[in-house]
């Protein structure tokens, strides 16, 4: 059954293949987004009280901000090291 479906797709014209690709990509994206939202609701934000939920949300964004800042600092330091090495002609 599945092999027949694949064979039919192989023999179709390019326009139909592209439409099928776009449609299936959209379906897969929706499945991934729905799974991610289910995960977030079930495991990350699932707490018994409203006060705890707001604390977790605040902690999540605080952690995200800290991680993002660390990442930016690391990128900046690597760029500066590259510039220093280039100015000292260690890099050809």
C-alpha atoms as a PDB file:
ATOM      1  CA  UNK A   1       0.000   0.000   0.000  1.00  0.00           C
ATOM      2  CA  UNK A   2       2.655   2.509   1.035  1.00  0.00           C
ATOM      3  CA  UNK A   3       4.950   1.424  -1.798  1.00  0.00           C
ATOM      4  CA  UNK A   4       2.111   1.970  -4.279  1.00  0.00           C
ATOM      5  CA  UNK A   5       1.588   5.460  -2.860  1.00  0.00           C
ATOM      6  CA  UNK A   6       5.296   6.256  -3.220  1.00  0.00           C
ATOM      7  CA  UNK A   7       5.327   4.906  -6.765  1.00  0.00           C
ATOM      8  CA  UNK A   8       2.330   7.064  -7.644  1.00  0.00           C
ATOM      9  CA  UNK A   9       4.128  10.138  -6.280  1.00  0.00           C
ATOM     10  CA  UNK A  10       7.268   9.304  -8.284  1.00  0.00           C
ATOM     11  CA  UNK A  11       5.255   9.126 -11.482  1.00  0.00           C
ATOM     12  CA  UNK A  12       3.296  12.366 -10.856  1.00  0.00           C
ATOM     13  CA  UNK A  13       4.178  15.727 -12.323  1.00  0.00           C
ATOM     14  CA  UNK A  14       6.413  18.212 -10.480  1.00  0.00           C
ATOM     15  CA  UNK A  15       3.583  20.603  -9.620  1.00  0.00           C
ATOM     16  CA  UNK A  16       1.677  17.911  -7.695  1.00  0.00           C
ATOM     17  CA  UNK A  17       4.879  16.799  -5.946  1.00  0.00           C
ATOM     18  CA  UNK A  18       5.509  20.341  -4.733  1.00  0.00           C
ATOM     19  CA  UNK A  19       1.935  20.721  -3.472  1.00  0.00           C
ATOM     20  CA  UNK A  20       2.192  17.410  -1.644  1.00  0.00           C
ATOM     21  CA  UNK A  21       5.524  18.451  -0.131  1.00  0.00           C
ATOM     22  CA  UNK A  22       4.064  21.735   1.140  1.00  0.00           C
ATOM     23  CA  UNK A  23       0.958  20.029   2.533  1.00  0.00           C
ATOM     24  CA  UNK A  24       2.878  17.289   4.327  1.00  0.00           C
ATOM     25  CA  UNK A  25       5.390  19.794   5.700  1.00  0.00           C
ATOM     26  CA  UNK A  26       2.513  21.833   7.139  1.00  0.00           C
ATOM     27  CA  UNK A  27       0.991  18.738   8.746  1.00  0.00           C
ATOM     28  CA  UNK A  28       4.306  17.754  10.323  1.00  0.00           C
ATOM     29  CA  UNK A  29       4.832  21.313  11.596  1.00  0.00           C
ATOM     30  CA  UNK A  30       1.386  21.303  13.216  1.00  0.00           C
ATOM     31  CA  UNK A  31       2.098  17.944  14.883  1.00  0.00           C
ATOM     32  CA  UNK A  32       5.422  19.213  16.250  1.00  0.00           C
ATOM     33  CA  UNK A  33       3.908  22.478  17.545  1.00  0.00           C
ATOM     34  CA  UNK A  34       0.981  20.632  19.147  1.00  0.00           C
ATOM     35  CA  UNK A  35       3.380  18.174  20.805  1.00  0.00           C
ATOM     36  CA  UNK A  36       5.521  21.025  22.101  1.00  0.00           C
ATOM     37  CA  UNK A  37       2.479  22.847  23.505  1.00  0.00           C
ATOM     38  CA  UNK A  38       1.293  19.633  25.184  1.00  0.00           C
ATOM     39  CA  UNK A  39       4.753  19.175  26.711  1.00  0.00           C
ATOM     40  CA  UNK A  40       4.847  22.760  27.985  1.00  0.00           C
ATOM     41  CA  UNK A  41       1.392  22.481  29.564  1.00  0.00           C
ATOM     42  CA  UNK A  42       1.973  19.047  31.063  1.00  0.00           C
ATOM     43  CA  UNK A  43       5.492  19.204  32.422  1.00  0.00           C
ATOM     44  CA  UNK A  44       6.735  22.783  32.642  1.00  0.00           C
ATOM     45  CA  UNK A  45       3.702  24.781  33.744  1.00  0.00           C
ATOM     46  CA  UNK A  46       1.726  22.035  35.524  1.00  0.00           C
ATOM     47  CA  UNK A  47       1.450  23.141  39.156  1.00  0.00           C
ATOM     48  CA  UNK A  48      -1.398  22.994  41.677  1.00  0.00           C
ATOM     49  CA  UNK A  49      -1.612  26.704  42.595  1.00  0.00           C
ATOM     50  CA  UNK A  50      -1.746  29.907  40.571  1.00  0.00           C
ATOM     51  CA  UNK A  51       1.023  31.508  42.651  1.00  0.00           C
ATOM     52  CA  UNK A  52       3.407  28.672  41.846  1.00  0.00           C
ATOM     53  CA  UNK A  53       2.570  28.880  38.136  1.00  0.00           C
ATOM     54  CA  UNK A  54       3.440  32.565  37.974  1.00  0.00           C
ATOM     55  CA  UNK A  55       6.670  31.877  39.859  1.00  0.00           C
ATOM     56  CA  UNK A  56       7.642  29.186  37.370  1.00  0.00           C
ATOM     57  CA  UNK A  57       6.866  31.467  34.439  1.00  0.00           C
ATOM     58  CA  UNK A  58       8.970  34.223  36.007  1.00  0.00           C
ATOM     59  CA  UNK A  59      11.802  31.800  36.715  1.00  0.00           C
ATOM     60  CA  UNK A  60      11.629  30.472  33.164  1.00  0.00           C
ATOM     61  CA  UNK A  61      12.036  33.943  31.646  1.00  0.00           C
ATOM     62  CA  UNK A  62      14.747  34.873  34.149  1.00  0.00           C
ATOM     63  CA  UNK A  63      16.651  31.711  33.245  1.00  0.00           C
ATOM     64  CA  UNK A  64      16.109  32.328  29.553  1.00  0.00           C
ATOM     65  CA  UNK A  65      17.407  35.900  29.903  1.00  0.00           C
ATOM     66  CA  UNK A  66      20.479  34.726  31.818  1.00  0.00           C
ATOM     67  CA  UNK A  67      21.244  31.969  29.301  1.00  0.00           C
ATOM     68  CA  UNK A  68      20.777  34.337  26.385  1.00  0.00           C
ATOM     69  CA  UNK A  69      23.127  36.861  28.013  1.00  0.00           C
ATOM     70  CA  UNK A  70      25.801  34.207  28.584  1.00  0.00           C
ATOM     71  CA  UNK A  71      25.506  33.080  24.970  1.00  0.00           C
ATOM     72  CA  UNK A  72      25.867  36.636  23.666  1.00  0.00           C
ATOM     73  CA  UNK A  73      28.909  37.248  25.888  1.00  0.00           C
ATOM     74  CA  UNK A  74      30.566  34.062  24.595  1.00  0.00           C
ATOM     75  CA  UNK A  75      29.926  35.062  20.990  1.00  0.00           C
ATOM     76  CA  UNK A  76      31.277  38.557  21.663  1.00  0.00           C
ATOM     77  CA  UNK A  77      34.446  37.200  23.284  1.00  0.00           C
ATOM     78  CA  UNK A  78      35.077  34.836  20.359  1.00  0.00           C
ATOM     79  CA  UNK A  79      34.657  37.714  17.891  1.00  0.00           C
ATOM     80  CA  UNK A  80      37.051  39.871  19.917  1.00  0.00           C
ATOM     81  CA  UNK A  81      39.637  37.056  20.079  1.00  0.00           C
ATOM     82  CA  UNK A  82      39.351  36.620  16.330  1.00  0.00           C
ATOM     83  CA  UNK A  83      39.889  40.362  15.779  1.00  0.00           C
ATOM     84  CA  UNK A  84      42.900  40.417  18.113  1.00  0.00           C
ATOM     85  CA  UNK A  85      44.438  37.403  16.406  1.00  0.00           C
ATOM     86  CA  UNK A  86      43.761  38.941  12.994  1.00  0.00           C
ATOM     87  CA  UNK A  87      45.285  42.285  14.016  1.00  0.00           C
ATOM     88  CA  UNK A  88      48.368  40.520  15.388  1.00  0.00           C
ATOM     89  CA  UNK A  89      48.527  38.583  12.114  1.00  0.00           C
ATOM     90  CA  UNK A  90      48.262  35.168  13.693  1.00  0.00           C
ATOM     91  CA  UNK A  91      45.542  34.468  11.162  1.00  0.00           C
ATOM     92  CA  UNK A  92      46.505  34.731   7.524  1.00  0.00           C
END
